[in-house]
Every structure is written in structure tokens, then in C-alpha cells.
Amino acid sequence: MISNEPAIVLSRRNLGEADRLCTLYTENQGKLSVRFSGVNKPGRKLKALSEPMMWAEYRLYSSPRTDIAKCIGGAIISSFPRLRGELDATVAALGCCERLDALTPLRSPNCEKYLLICAALAALEASLSPWVPAAFSLQLLEAVGYGLRDREFPDEERPLWKRLHETALDALPAVPWRPEAAERFARVADDQIEGIIGRPLRSRGYMDKLRVPAEDTQVHA
């Protein structure tokens, strides 16, 4: 069966000498494993479509004999160039992709999650608000049935916690930025996610390194 699927690439790894195996989150079929044959050879046109954080419409061939679909074509919707050119933006975007991948089973369609990851990458690309990663995690947890909306926080932080659950990602610029609260909220969300999946999030470690003050990373003579 051949289908056209709008999707975001969540991750990729090499398969053999020339192929890639990617995880895509599609609009209509949910999370899929997709093989990109021969794309590691020079000049292959589908190579760009197999990069993480790529948003495209993929032409996929699926067979009842395997759970892995094959990409046979596609057209880019957005490559999110800023996310690939700035380290903090790259880590934040890959973190959103990792969290969706970790919390989602294969072939379990959910348009809400598809729209959420598209909105997160678009908001990060536009640098709309530093709240995007934390809000994405909290709203994703709600979408998968592990919401933290009723978690107790000090009275002064409760309205902010509620707004992050209820505010669309493209509307987050209206939410006042509170760095200390953001770090606390992100920690609570990531602890919940790691408890669910039973392993550390790789992107969490990278984000922790980015938060280290510059003076702490200098080598003193």
C-alpha cells in the first residue's frame, strides 16, 4: 500500500552501509519506523528528508509482511533552518522529538500529538518564548494520560503552572517568563517522563550542560 503522509522526523540511525532507519510521527498513522534506502550514498535526493526535525509530506510504501515502511519520495514542508544553526535551539527541538518518541507506541494515531510537535518546532524556530520546551512536555504528558496539572506548587506559581497546561504554544509570548519556575517545572516534567519510560532522557543531560554558567566552564590557569 502506498500513502502520502505529513510527518515530522523524530530520530534517525544508520542501517547497514547506505540506508537509514528513521522514526516519523505522521498525521494519520502515528509513529512509524521508516527505511530510507541508499540515502547515505552521495547525491541521494531523499537524504534531506531523513534528517531529524524535518517536516515533510512523505510518500510511503507499507507491506503487511513488515512493520517497517519504506520512503519512496516526498516534499519538504519546512526544514526549520534556525533550529539547525543554533545549539540551544537544536537541543530544545531534539528534546521535544525525543520526548514524543519515548512516550508514544508505534502505529497509534493521535492528531493532537502530531499538531503539538509541529507547533513546538514552529514556535522554537520563531523563537517565540523560552517556555516552549516546558509547555510542550506538560501538554504532551496530558495527551498520553500522565498529566501533572494537579501537582502542588507554591501559591505564587500555581497560576503559571496552569497557564502552561492551557496555553497554545504559539500564544506563549503572553506568559511572563520566570527562569527559576521554568527550571523547576521542567525538572518535574522530566522526572515524570523518565519514571514512565524507565531511563534517562539524553537531551536532558545536554540541556543541563547548556545551563551551566559560562564562568563555571572556564579553565583557570
N, C-alpha and C. Protein backbone atom coordinates (compact mmCIF):
# COMPACT_ATOMS: atom_id res chain seq x y z
N MET A 1 0.84 -1.19 0.00
CA MET A 1 0.00 0.00 0.00
C MET A 1 0.87 1.24 0.00
N ILE A 2 0.53 2.22 -0.83
CA ILE A 2 1.26 3.48 -0.91
C ILE A 2 0.38 4.60 -0.37
N SER A 3 0.97 5.43 0.49
CA SER A 3 0.22 6.55 1.08
C SER A 3 1.10 7.78 1.15
N ASN A 4 0.48 8.94 1.17
CA ASN A 4 1.17 10.21 1.39
C ASN A 4 0.89 10.68 2.80
N GLU A 5 1.96 10.90 3.58
CA GLU A 5 1.80 11.22 5.00
C GLU A 5 2.60 12.46 5.40
N PRO A 6 1.93 13.54 5.85
CA PRO A 6 2.66 14.62 6.51
C PRO A 6 3.26 14.08 7.81
N ALA A 7 4.51 14.42 8.08
CA ALA A 7 5.18 13.84 9.25
C ALA A 7 6.37 14.68 9.67
N ILE A 8 6.76 14.48 10.92
CA ILE A 8 7.99 15.04 11.50
C ILE A 8 8.96 13.89 11.76
N VAL A 9 10.22 14.06 11.39
CA VAL A 9 11.24 13.05 11.71
C VAL A 9 11.69 13.26 13.15
N LEU A 10 11.48 12.25 13.99
CA LEU A 10 11.87 12.34 15.39
C LEU A 10 13.31 11.92 15.63
N SER A 11 13.79 10.92 14.88
CA SER A 11 15.15 10.42 15.08
C SER A 11 15.57 9.63 13.87
N ARG A 12 16.86 9.35 13.76
CA ARG A 12 17.38 8.50 12.69
C ARG A 12 18.62 7.76 13.16
N ARG A 13 18.90 6.64 12.52
CA ARG A 13 20.14 5.91 12.74
C ARG A 13 20.51 5.21 11.44
N ASN A 14 21.80 4.96 11.27
CA ASN A 14 22.26 4.26 10.08
C ASN A 14 21.85 2.79 10.14
N LEU A 15 21.55 2.25 8.98
CA LEU A 15 21.16 0.85 8.87
C LEU A 15 21.99 0.27 7.74
N GLY A 16 22.97 -0.59 8.10
CA GLY A 16 23.89 -1.07 7.09
C GLY A 16 24.81 0.04 6.63
N GLU A 17 25.33 -0.08 5.41
CA GLU A 17 26.30 0.89 4.91
C GLU A 17 25.65 2.10 4.26
N ALA A 18 24.45 1.94 3.71
CA ALA A 18 23.89 3.02 2.91
C ALA A 18 22.50 3.48 3.33
N ASP A 19 21.80 2.70 4.16
CA ASP A 19 20.41 3.02 4.50
C ASP A 19 20.32 3.76 5.83
N ARG A 20 19.17 4.36 6.06
CA ARG A 20 18.83 4.95 7.35
C ARG A 20 17.47 4.41 7.80
N LEU A 21 17.35 4.21 9.11
CA LEU A 21 16.07 3.86 9.70
C LEU A 21 15.63 5.04 10.56
N CYS A 22 14.51 5.63 10.20
CA CYS A 22 14.03 6.84 10.87
C CYS A 22 12.72 6.56 11.61
N THR A 23 12.50 7.32 12.66
CA THR A 23 11.21 7.32 13.33
C THR A 23 10.48 8.59 12.94
N LEU A 24 9.31 8.41 12.33
CA LEU A 24 8.48 9.54 11.91
C LEU A 24 7.21 9.57 12.74
N TYR A 25 6.76 10.78 13.07
CA TYR A 25 5.43 10.91 13.64
C TYR A 25 4.53 11.50 12.58
N THR A 26 3.59 10.69 12.11
CA THR A 26 2.74 11.07 11.00
C THR A 26 1.40 11.60 11.47
N GLU A 27 0.74 12.34 10.61
CA GLU A 27 -0.55 12.91 10.96
C GLU A 27 -1.63 11.85 11.10
N ASN A 28 -1.61 10.84 10.23
CA ASN A 28 -2.72 9.90 10.16
C ASN A 28 -2.44 8.50 10.70
N GLN A 29 -1.16 8.11 10.78
CA GLN A 29 -0.82 6.77 11.23
C GLN A 29 -0.04 6.74 12.54
N GLY A 30 0.23 7.90 13.13
CA GLY A 30 1.00 7.94 14.37
C GLY A 30 2.48 7.71 14.10
N LYS A 31 3.16 7.08 15.05
CA LYS A 31 4.60 6.88 14.95
C LYS A 31 4.91 5.66 14.07
N LEU A 32 5.82 5.87 13.13
CA LEU A 32 6.20 4.80 12.21
C LEU A 32 7.72 4.67 12.15
N SER A 33 8.19 3.44 11.94
CA SER A 33 9.59 3.19 11.57
C SER A 33 9.65 3.17 10.05
N VAL A 34 10.56 3.97 9.48
CA VAL A 34 10.61 4.13 8.02
C VAL A 34 12.05 3.97 7.54
N ARG A 35 12.21 3.14 6.52
CA ARG A 35 13.53 2.90 5.94
C ARG A 35 13.75 3.83 4.75
N PHE A 36 14.90 4.47 4.73
CA PHE A 36 15.32 5.30 3.61
C PHE A 36 16.48 4.58 2.95
N SER A 37 16.21 3.92 1.84
CA SER A 37 17.22 3.07 1.21
C SER A 37 18.24 3.90 0.44
N GLY A 38 19.53 3.61 0.70
CA GLY A 38 20.62 4.18 -0.08
C GLY A 38 20.91 5.64 0.15
N VAL A 39 20.30 6.28 1.15
CA VAL A 39 20.45 7.74 1.27
C VAL A 39 21.83 8.17 1.76
N ASN A 40 22.62 7.26 2.31
CA ASN A 40 23.96 7.64 2.73
C ASN A 40 24.97 7.63 1.59
N LYS A 41 24.52 7.25 0.40
CA LYS A 41 25.38 7.34 -0.78
C LYS A 41 25.36 8.77 -1.32
N PRO A 42 26.45 9.22 -1.94
CA PRO A 42 26.50 10.61 -2.44
C PRO A 42 25.38 10.92 -3.42
N GLY A 43 24.80 12.12 -3.27
CA GLY A 43 23.85 12.62 -4.24
C GLY A 43 22.45 12.08 -4.15
N ARG A 44 22.10 11.36 -3.10
CA ARG A 44 20.76 10.81 -2.99
C ARG A 44 19.76 11.88 -2.58
N LYS A 45 18.67 11.99 -3.32
CA LYS A 45 17.72 13.09 -3.15
C LYS A 45 16.92 13.00 -1.86
N LEU A 46 16.72 11.80 -1.33
CA LEU A 46 15.88 11.65 -0.15
C LEU A 46 16.64 11.85 1.16
N LYS A 47 17.94 12.12 1.07
CA LYS A 47 18.75 12.23 2.29
C LYS A 47 18.23 13.34 3.21
N ALA A 48 17.91 14.50 2.64
CA ALA A 48 17.43 15.61 3.47
C ALA A 48 16.14 15.25 4.19
N LEU A 49 15.31 14.43 3.56
CA LEU A 49 14.04 14.05 4.17
C LEU A 49 14.20 13.13 5.36
N SER A 50 15.40 12.57 5.54
CA SER A 50 15.63 11.63 6.64
C SER A 50 16.32 12.27 7.84
N GLU A 51 16.44 13.60 7.83
CA GLU A 51 17.10 14.29 8.93
C GLU A 51 16.12 14.59 10.06
N PRO A 52 16.54 14.45 11.33
CA PRO A 52 15.67 14.80 12.45
C PRO A 52 15.17 16.24 12.35
N MET A 53 13.97 16.48 12.81
CA MET A 53 13.30 17.77 12.82
C MET A 53 12.84 18.21 11.43
N MET A 54 12.91 17.31 10.45
CA MET A 54 12.39 17.65 9.13
C MET A 54 10.88 17.46 9.12
N TRP A 55 10.18 18.43 8.55
CA TRP A 55 8.72 18.36 8.40
C TRP A 55 8.44 18.27 6.92
N ALA A 56 7.82 17.18 6.49
CA ALA A 56 7.62 16.96 5.07
C ALA A 56 6.38 16.11 4.83
N GLU A 57 5.98 16.03 3.58
CA GLU A 57 4.96 15.06 3.18
C GLU A 57 5.70 13.89 2.53
N TYR A 58 5.59 12.73 3.14
CA TYR A 58 6.34 11.55 2.72
C TYR A 58 5.45 10.60 1.92
N ARG A 59 6.02 10.05 0.87
CA ARG A 59 5.35 9.00 0.11
C ARG A 59 5.90 7.67 0.62
N LEU A 60 5.03 6.90 1.26
CA LEU A 60 5.45 5.70 1.97
C LEU A 60 4.85 4.44 1.36
N TYR A 61 5.67 3.42 1.29
CA TYR A 61 5.19 2.09 0.88
C TYR A 61 5.17 1.19 2.11
N SER A 62 4.02 0.62 2.42
CA SER A 62 3.86 -0.27 3.56
C SER A 62 3.49 -1.66 3.08
N SER A 63 4.07 -2.68 3.72
CA SER A 63 3.78 -4.07 3.38
C SER A 63 3.27 -4.80 4.61
N PRO A 64 2.29 -5.68 4.47
CA PRO A 64 1.81 -6.46 5.62
C PRO A 64 2.85 -7.44 6.16
N ARG A 65 3.95 -7.61 5.42
CA ARG A 65 4.98 -8.56 5.84
C ARG A 65 6.01 -7.96 6.79
N THR A 66 5.97 -6.64 6.99
CA THR A 66 6.93 -5.99 7.87
C THR A 66 6.30 -4.78 8.53
N ASP A 67 6.78 -4.45 9.73
CA ASP A 67 6.31 -3.25 10.44
C ASP A 67 7.04 -2.00 9.98
N ILE A 68 8.05 -2.14 9.14
CA ILE A 68 8.86 -1.01 8.70
C ILE A 68 8.39 -0.55 7.32
N ALA A 69 7.96 0.70 7.21
CA ALA A 69 7.58 1.26 5.93
C ALA A 69 8.84 1.70 5.17
N LYS A 70 8.68 1.98 3.90
CA LYS A 70 9.79 2.45 3.07
C LYS A 70 9.43 3.77 2.44
N CYS A 71 10.33 4.74 2.54
CA CYS A 71 10.11 6.04 1.91
C CYS A 71 10.51 5.95 0.44
N ILE A 72 9.58 6.33 -0.45
CA ILE A 72 9.86 6.29 -1.89
C ILE A 72 9.77 7.68 -2.52
N GLY A 73 9.56 8.70 -1.69
CA GLY A 73 9.50 10.06 -2.21
C GLY A 73 9.00 11.01 -1.14
N GLY A 74 8.93 12.28 -1.50
CA GLY A 74 8.42 13.25 -0.54
C GLY A 74 8.73 14.68 -0.94
N ALA A 75 8.12 15.61 -0.21
CA ALA A 75 8.32 17.04 -0.45
C ALA A 75 8.42 17.75 0.89
N ILE A 76 9.43 18.60 1.03
CA ILE A 76 9.68 19.30 2.28
C ILE A 76 8.61 20.36 2.53
N ILE A 77 8.07 20.37 3.75
CA ILE A 77 7.17 21.44 4.19
C ILE A 77 8.00 22.53 4.88
N SER A 78 8.87 22.12 5.81
CA SER A 78 9.79 23.06 6.46
C SER A 78 10.99 22.28 7.00
N SER A 79 12.16 22.86 6.84
CA SER A 79 13.37 22.25 7.39
C SER A 79 13.80 22.90 8.70
N PHE A 80 13.10 23.97 9.13
CA PHE A 80 13.41 24.69 10.37
C PHE A 80 14.91 25.05 10.44
N PRO A 81 15.38 25.91 9.54
CA PRO A 81 16.82 26.20 9.45
C PRO A 81 17.43 26.79 10.72
N ARG A 82 16.67 27.62 11.44
CA ARG A 82 17.24 28.20 12.67
C ARG A 82 17.55 27.11 13.68
N LEU A 83 16.69 26.10 13.77
CA LEU A 83 16.89 25.02 14.75
C LEU A 83 18.18 24.25 14.47
N ARG A 84 18.65 24.30 13.25
CA ARG A 84 19.86 23.57 12.89
C ARG A 84 21.12 24.43 13.01
N GLY A 85 20.91 25.74 13.21
CA GLY A 85 22.05 26.64 13.24
C GLY A 85 22.43 27.17 14.60
N GLU A 86 21.56 26.93 15.61
CA GLU A 86 21.84 27.42 16.96
C GLU A 86 21.76 26.25 17.94
N LEU A 87 22.83 26.07 18.71
CA LEU A 87 22.95 24.88 19.55
C LEU A 87 21.80 24.75 20.55
N ASP A 88 21.47 25.83 21.26
CA ASP A 88 20.40 25.72 22.26
C ASP A 88 19.06 25.41 21.61
N ALA A 89 18.80 25.99 20.43
CA ALA A 89 17.56 25.70 19.73
C ALA A 89 17.54 24.26 19.23
N THR A 90 18.69 23.77 18.76
CA THR A 90 18.78 22.38 18.30
C THR A 90 18.48 21.42 19.43
N VAL A 91 19.10 21.64 20.59
CA VAL A 91 18.89 20.74 21.73
C VAL A 91 17.45 20.78 22.20
N ALA A 92 16.86 21.98 22.25
CA ALA A 92 15.46 22.09 22.68
C ALA A 92 14.53 21.35 21.72
N ALA A 93 14.76 21.51 20.42
CA ALA A 93 13.91 20.85 19.42
C ALA A 93 14.08 19.34 19.45
N LEU A 94 15.33 18.88 19.52
CA LEU A 94 15.57 17.43 19.60
C LEU A 94 14.98 16.86 20.89
N GLY A 95 14.98 17.67 21.96
CA GLY A 95 14.37 17.23 23.21
C GLY A 95 12.88 17.00 23.06
N CYS A 96 12.19 17.89 22.34
CA CYS A 96 10.76 17.69 22.09
C CYS A 96 10.54 16.40 21.29
N CYS A 97 11.36 16.19 20.27
CA CYS A 97 11.24 14.98 19.45
C CYS A 97 11.50 13.73 20.29
N GLU A 98 12.53 13.77 21.15
CA GLU A 98 12.85 12.60 21.98
C GLU A 98 11.71 12.28 22.93
N ARG A 99 11.10 13.29 23.54
CA ARG A 99 10.02 13.05 24.49
C ARG A 99 8.79 12.46 23.81
N LEU A 100 8.46 12.95 22.62
CA LEU A 100 7.33 12.37 21.89
C LEU A 100 7.62 10.93 21.49
N ASP A 101 8.82 10.67 21.01
CA ASP A 101 9.22 9.32 20.63
C ASP A 101 9.15 8.37 21.83
N ALA A 102 9.66 8.83 22.97
CA ALA A 102 9.73 7.97 24.15
C ALA A 102 8.36 7.62 24.71
N LEU A 103 7.40 8.53 24.58
CA LEU A 103 6.09 8.35 25.22
C LEU A 103 5.02 7.79 24.28
N THR A 104 5.41 7.45 23.06
CA THR A 104 4.41 7.07 22.06
C THR A 104 4.69 5.69 21.49
N PRO A 105 3.71 4.79 21.48
CA PRO A 105 3.89 3.49 20.84
C PRO A 105 3.77 3.61 19.32
N LEU A 106 4.27 2.62 18.61
CA LEU A 106 4.16 2.60 17.16
C LEU A 106 2.70 2.44 16.73
N ARG A 107 2.40 3.06 15.61
CA ARG A 107 1.11 2.89 14.93
C ARG A 107 -0.09 3.12 15.87
N SER A 108 -0.01 4.22 16.60
CA SER A 108 -1.11 4.61 17.48
C SER A 108 -1.48 6.05 17.13
N PRO A 109 -2.31 6.25 16.11
CA PRO A 109 -2.58 7.60 15.59
C PRO A 109 -3.15 8.53 16.64
N ASN A 110 -2.66 9.77 16.63
CA ASN A 110 -3.17 10.79 17.54
C ASN A 110 -2.86 12.15 16.93
N CYS A 111 -3.87 12.75 16.31
CA CYS A 111 -3.65 14.02 15.61
C CYS A 111 -3.23 15.12 16.58
N GLU A 112 -3.69 15.05 17.83
CA GLU A 112 -3.32 16.06 18.82
C GLU A 112 -1.81 16.09 19.03
N LYS A 113 -1.19 14.91 19.11
CA LYS A 113 0.26 14.86 19.32
C LYS A 113 1.01 15.32 18.08
N TYR A 114 0.48 14.98 16.90
CA TYR A 114 1.11 15.45 15.67
C TYR A 114 1.09 16.98 15.61
N LEU A 115 -0.05 17.58 15.88
CA LEU A 115 -0.15 19.04 15.85
C LEU A 115 0.71 19.68 16.93
N LEU A 116 0.87 19.00 18.07
CA LEU A 116 1.67 19.54 19.16
C LEU A 116 3.14 19.60 18.79
N ILE A 117 3.68 18.55 18.16
CA ILE A 117 5.10 18.57 17.79
C ILE A 117 5.33 19.58 16.66
N CYS A 118 4.40 19.67 15.72
CA CYS A 118 4.54 20.68 14.66
C CYS A 118 4.55 22.09 15.25
N ALA A 119 3.66 22.35 16.20
CA ALA A 119 3.58 23.66 16.84
C ALA A 119 4.84 23.96 17.65
N ALA A 120 5.38 22.94 18.32
CA ALA A 120 6.59 23.14 19.13
C ALA A 120 7.77 23.52 18.26
N LEU A 121 7.98 22.80 17.17
CA LEU A 121 9.12 23.12 16.30
C LEU A 121 8.95 24.48 15.63
N ALA A 122 7.72 24.81 15.23
CA ALA A 122 7.48 26.12 14.63
C ALA A 122 7.71 27.24 15.64
N ALA A 123 7.30 27.03 16.89
CA ALA A 123 7.49 28.05 17.93
C ALA A 123 8.96 28.22 18.27
N LEU A 124 9.69 27.12 18.32
CA LEU A 124 11.13 27.20 18.58
C LEU A 124 11.86 27.86 17.41
N GLU A 125 11.45 27.53 16.20
CA GLU A 125 12.05 28.15 15.01
C GLU A 125 11.88 29.66 15.04
N ALA A 126 10.70 30.11 15.46
CA ALA A 126 10.42 31.55 15.52
C ALA A 126 10.92 32.21 16.80
N SER A 127 11.50 31.41 17.71
CA SER A 127 11.98 31.92 18.99
C SER A 127 10.89 32.70 19.71
N LEU A 128 9.70 32.10 19.78
CA LEU A 128 8.54 32.81 20.34
C LEU A 128 8.64 33.00 21.84
N SER A 129 9.08 31.96 22.56
CA SER A 129 9.08 32.03 24.02
C SER A 129 10.00 30.96 24.59
N PRO A 130 10.75 31.29 25.66
CA PRO A 130 11.56 30.25 26.32
C PRO A 130 10.71 29.22 27.05
N TRP A 131 9.39 29.45 27.15
CA TRP A 131 8.50 28.49 27.81
C TRP A 131 8.21 27.27 26.95
N VAL A 132 8.52 27.30 25.67
CA VAL A 132 8.06 26.26 24.75
C VAL A 132 8.44 24.84 25.18
N PRO A 133 9.71 24.54 25.52
CA PRO A 133 10.04 23.16 25.88
C PRO A 133 9.25 22.64 27.09
N ALA A 134 9.14 23.45 28.14
CA ALA A 134 8.42 23.01 29.34
C ALA A 134 6.94 22.83 29.04
N ALA A 135 6.34 23.79 28.32
CA ALA A 135 4.91 23.69 28.00
C ALA A 135 4.65 22.48 27.10
N PHE A 136 5.53 22.24 26.16
CA PHE A 136 5.38 21.06 25.30
C PHE A 136 5.36 19.78 26.13
N SER A 137 6.31 19.64 27.06
CA SER A 137 6.38 18.43 27.89
C SER A 137 5.12 18.25 28.71
N LEU A 138 4.63 19.32 29.31
CA LEU A 138 3.44 19.23 30.15
C LEU A 138 2.20 18.88 29.33
N GLN A 139 2.06 19.50 28.17
CA GLN A 139 0.90 19.21 27.33
C GLN A 139 0.99 17.83 26.70
N LEU A 140 2.20 17.37 26.41
CA LEU A 140 2.38 16.00 25.90
C LEU A 140 2.01 14.98 26.97
N LEU A 141 2.43 15.22 28.21
CA LEU A 141 2.07 14.30 29.29
C LEU A 141 0.56 14.20 29.45
N GLU A 142 -0.13 15.31 29.32
CA GLU A 142 -1.59 15.25 29.36
C GLU A 142 -2.15 14.43 28.20
N ALA A 143 -1.58 14.59 27.02
CA ALA A 143 -2.08 13.89 25.83
C ALA A 143 -1.90 12.38 25.93
N VAL A 144 -0.88 11.94 26.70
CA VAL A 144 -0.65 10.50 26.82
C VAL A 144 -1.23 9.93 28.11
N GLY A 145 -1.95 10.75 28.89
CA GLY A 145 -2.65 10.26 30.07
C GLY A 145 -1.86 10.29 31.36
N TYR A 146 -0.77 11.06 31.40
CA TYR A 146 0.04 11.16 32.62
C TYR A 146 0.18 12.62 33.05
N GLY A 147 -0.89 13.38 32.92
CA GLY A 147 -0.85 14.81 33.20
C GLY A 147 -0.50 15.14 34.64
N LEU A 148 0.11 16.32 34.78
CA LEU A 148 0.57 16.79 36.09
C LEU A 148 -0.15 18.05 36.52
N ARG A 149 -1.29 18.34 35.93
CA ARG A 149 -1.99 19.59 36.18
C ARG A 149 -2.28 19.81 37.67
N ASP A 150 -2.55 18.75 38.43
CA ASP A 150 -2.92 18.88 39.84
C ASP A 150 -1.72 18.83 40.79
N ARG A 151 -0.52 18.85 40.25
CA ARG A 151 0.68 18.85 41.09
C ARG A 151 0.70 20.10 41.96
N GLU A 152 1.11 19.95 43.21
CA GLU A 152 1.14 21.08 44.15
C GLU A 152 2.39 21.93 43.96
N PHE A 153 2.17 23.26 43.91
CA PHE A 153 3.26 24.23 43.84
C PHE A 153 2.91 25.39 44.76
N PRO A 154 3.87 26.21 45.12
CA PRO A 154 3.57 27.40 45.93
C PRO A 154 2.48 28.25 45.26
N ASP A 155 1.71 28.95 46.07
CA ASP A 155 0.56 29.71 45.57
C ASP A 155 0.94 30.67 44.45
N GLU A 156 2.13 31.28 44.54
CA GLU A 156 2.51 32.26 43.53
C GLU A 156 2.84 31.61 42.18
N GLU A 157 3.08 30.29 42.16
CA GLU A 157 3.43 29.61 40.92
C GLU A 157 2.26 28.82 40.33
N ARG A 158 1.19 28.64 41.11
CA ARG A 158 0.07 27.83 40.61
C ARG A 158 -0.57 28.40 39.35
N PRO A 159 -0.85 29.72 39.27
CA PRO A 159 -1.45 30.25 38.03
C PRO A 159 -0.55 30.04 36.82
N LEU A 160 0.75 30.18 37.01
CA LEU A 160 1.69 29.99 35.91
C LEU A 160 1.71 28.54 35.45
N TRP A 161 1.71 27.62 36.40
CA TRP A 161 1.67 26.18 36.10
C TRP A 161 0.41 25.84 35.29
N LYS A 162 -0.72 26.42 35.69
CA LYS A 162 -1.97 26.17 34.98
C LYS A 162 -1.92 26.73 33.57
N ARG A 163 -1.37 27.92 33.40
CA ARG A 163 -1.32 28.54 32.08
C ARG A 163 -0.46 27.74 31.11
N LEU A 164 0.60 27.11 31.59
CA LEU A 164 1.44 26.32 30.70
C LEU A 164 0.72 25.08 30.20
N HIS A 165 -0.24 24.59 30.96
CA HIS A 165 -1.04 23.46 30.52
C HIS A 165 -2.11 23.87 29.51
N GLU A 166 -2.56 25.11 29.58
CA GLU A 166 -3.74 25.52 28.82
C GLU A 166 -3.44 26.44 27.65
N THR A 167 -2.24 27.00 27.58
CA THR A 167 -1.92 27.98 26.55
C THR A 167 -1.33 27.30 25.32
N ALA A 168 -1.89 27.61 24.14
CA ALA A 168 -1.32 27.10 22.90
C ALA A 168 0.13 27.56 22.78
N LEU A 169 0.96 26.74 22.18
CA LEU A 169 2.39 27.05 22.14
C LEU A 169 2.67 28.34 21.39
N ASP A 170 1.89 28.66 20.38
CA ASP A 170 2.13 29.91 19.66
C ASP A 170 1.61 31.13 20.41
N ALA A 171 0.93 30.90 21.54
CA ALA A 171 0.45 32.02 22.37
C ALA A 171 1.29 32.21 23.63
N LEU A 172 2.35 31.46 23.78
CA LEU A 172 3.17 31.54 24.99
C LEU A 172 3.87 32.87 25.22
N PRO A 173 4.10 33.71 24.20
CA PRO A 173 4.69 35.02 24.49
C PRO A 173 3.88 35.84 25.49
N ALA A 174 2.60 35.52 25.66
CA ALA A 174 1.77 36.25 26.62
C ALA A 174 2.02 35.79 28.06
N VAL A 175 2.74 34.70 28.25
CA VAL A 175 3.00 34.17 29.59
C VAL A 175 4.31 34.77 30.10
N PRO A 176 4.31 35.47 31.24
CA PRO A 176 5.53 36.11 31.74
C PRO A 176 6.61 35.08 32.04
N TRP A 177 7.84 35.41 31.67
CA TRP A 177 8.96 34.50 31.83
C TRP A 177 9.49 34.53 33.26
N ARG A 178 9.60 33.35 33.87
CA ARG A 178 10.13 33.21 35.22
C ARG A 178 11.18 32.09 35.19
N PRO A 179 12.47 32.42 35.05
CA PRO A 179 13.50 31.40 34.85
C PRO A 179 13.54 30.34 35.95
N GLU A 180 13.43 30.75 37.21
CA GLU A 180 13.51 29.76 38.29
C GLU A 180 12.32 28.80 38.26
N ALA A 181 11.14 29.35 38.01
CA ALA A 181 9.96 28.50 37.90
C ALA A 181 10.08 27.58 36.69
N ALA A 182 10.62 28.09 35.59
CA ALA A 182 10.77 27.28 34.38
C ALA A 182 11.67 26.08 34.63
N GLU A 183 12.76 26.31 35.33
CA GLU A 183 13.68 25.20 35.64
C GLU A 183 12.99 24.17 36.53
N ARG A 184 12.23 24.64 37.49
CA ARG A 184 11.53 23.73 38.41
C ARG A 184 10.45 22.93 37.66
N PHE A 185 9.69 23.61 36.82
CA PHE A 185 8.63 22.94 36.06
C PHE A 185 9.21 21.90 35.11
N ALA A 186 10.30 22.27 34.44
CA ALA A 186 10.92 21.33 33.50
C ALA A 186 11.43 20.10 34.23
N ARG A 187 12.00 20.31 35.42
CA ARG A 187 12.51 19.18 36.20
C ARG A 187 11.38 18.23 36.61
N VAL A 188 10.25 18.78 37.03
CA VAL A 188 9.11 17.95 37.41
C VAL A 188 8.61 17.14 36.22
N ALA A 189 8.48 17.80 35.06
CA ALA A 189 8.01 17.11 33.86
C ALA A 189 8.97 16.01 33.44
N ASP A 190 10.27 16.30 33.44
CA ASP A 190 11.25 15.30 33.00
C ASP A 190 11.34 14.14 33.99
N ASP A 191 11.22 14.41 35.27
CA ASP A 191 11.19 13.32 36.24
C ASP A 191 10.01 12.38 35.96
N GLN A 192 8.87 12.97 35.64
CA GLN A 192 7.70 12.17 35.32
C GLN A 192 7.93 11.32 34.07
N ILE A 193 8.49 11.93 33.03
CA ILE A 193 8.73 11.21 31.78
C ILE A 193 9.73 10.08 32.00
N GLU A 194 10.81 10.36 32.71
CA GLU A 194 11.82 9.33 32.95
C GLU A 194 11.26 8.20 33.80
N GLY A 195 10.37 8.53 34.72
CA GLY A 195 9.73 7.49 35.51
C GLY A 195 8.85 6.58 34.66
N ILE A 196 8.21 7.16 33.65
CA ILE A 196 7.34 6.38 32.77
C ILE A 196 8.15 5.47 31.86
N ILE A 197 9.22 6.01 31.26
CA ILE A 197 9.97 5.25 30.26
C ILE A 197 11.08 4.40 30.87
N GLY A 198 11.42 4.66 32.13
CA GLY A 198 12.40 3.82 32.83
C GLY A 198 13.84 4.04 32.42
N ARG A 199 14.16 5.20 31.91
CA ARG A 199 15.55 5.51 31.53
C ARG A 199 15.72 7.03 31.47
N PRO A 200 16.97 7.51 31.52
CA PRO A 200 17.20 8.95 31.41
C PRO A 200 16.94 9.46 30.00
N LEU A 201 16.53 10.70 29.92
CA LEU A 201 16.41 11.38 28.63
C LEU A 201 17.78 11.93 28.23
N ARG A 202 18.24 11.57 27.05
CA ARG A 202 19.56 12.05 26.62
C ARG A 202 19.60 13.56 26.50
N SER A 203 18.54 14.15 25.95
CA SER A 203 18.54 15.59 25.75
C SER A 203 18.52 16.36 27.06
N ARG A 204 18.04 15.73 28.12
CA ARG A 204 18.02 16.40 29.42
C ARG A 204 19.44 16.68 29.89
N GLY A 205 20.33 15.74 29.69
CA GLY A 205 21.72 15.94 30.06
C GLY A 205 22.37 17.06 29.26
N TYR A 206 22.05 17.15 27.97
CA TYR A 206 22.59 18.21 27.14
C TYR A 206 22.06 19.58 27.60
N MET A 207 20.78 19.64 27.94
CA MET A 207 20.21 20.90 28.41
C MET A 207 20.85 21.34 29.72
N ASP A 208 21.11 20.39 30.61
CA ASP A 208 21.76 20.72 31.87
C ASP A 208 23.13 21.34 31.63
N LYS A 209 23.86 20.82 30.64
CA LYS A 209 25.18 21.37 30.33
C LYS A 209 25.07 22.79 29.78
N LEU A 210 24.03 23.05 28.99
CA LEU A 210 23.86 24.39 28.43
C LEU A 210 23.51 25.41 29.50
N ARG A 211 22.92 24.93 30.63
CA ARG A 211 22.53 25.86 31.70
C ARG A 211 23.70 26.21 32.60
N VAL A 212 24.83 25.52 32.49
CA VAL A 212 25.98 25.81 33.35
C VAL A 212 26.50 27.20 33.03
N PRO A 213 26.63 28.08 34.03
CA PRO A 213 27.13 29.43 33.77
C PRO A 213 28.49 29.39 33.09
N ALA A 214 28.73 30.36 32.22
CA ALA A 214 29.97 30.38 31.44
C ALA A 214 31.22 30.36 32.31
N GLU A 215 31.17 31.08 33.46
CA GLU A 215 32.35 31.15 34.32
C GLU A 215 32.69 29.78 34.93
N ASP A 216 31.67 28.89 35.05
CA ASP A 216 31.92 27.58 35.62
C ASP A 216 32.62 26.65 34.64
N THR A 217 32.59 27.01 33.33
CA THR A 217 33.19 26.14 32.33
C THR A 217 34.57 26.62 31.90
N GLN A 218 35.02 27.78 32.42
CA GLN A 218 36.32 28.30 32.04
C GLN A 218 37.44 27.52 32.72
N VAL A 219 38.54 27.37 32.01
CA VAL A 219 39.72 26.72 32.57
C VAL A 219 40.61 27.81 33.15
N HIS A 220 40.84 27.68 34.43
CA HIS A 220 41.67 28.72 35.09
C HIS A 220 43.13 28.29 35.11
N ALA A 221 43.98 29.26 34.86
CA ALA A 221 45.41 28.97 34.85
C ALA A 221 45.92 28.70 36.25
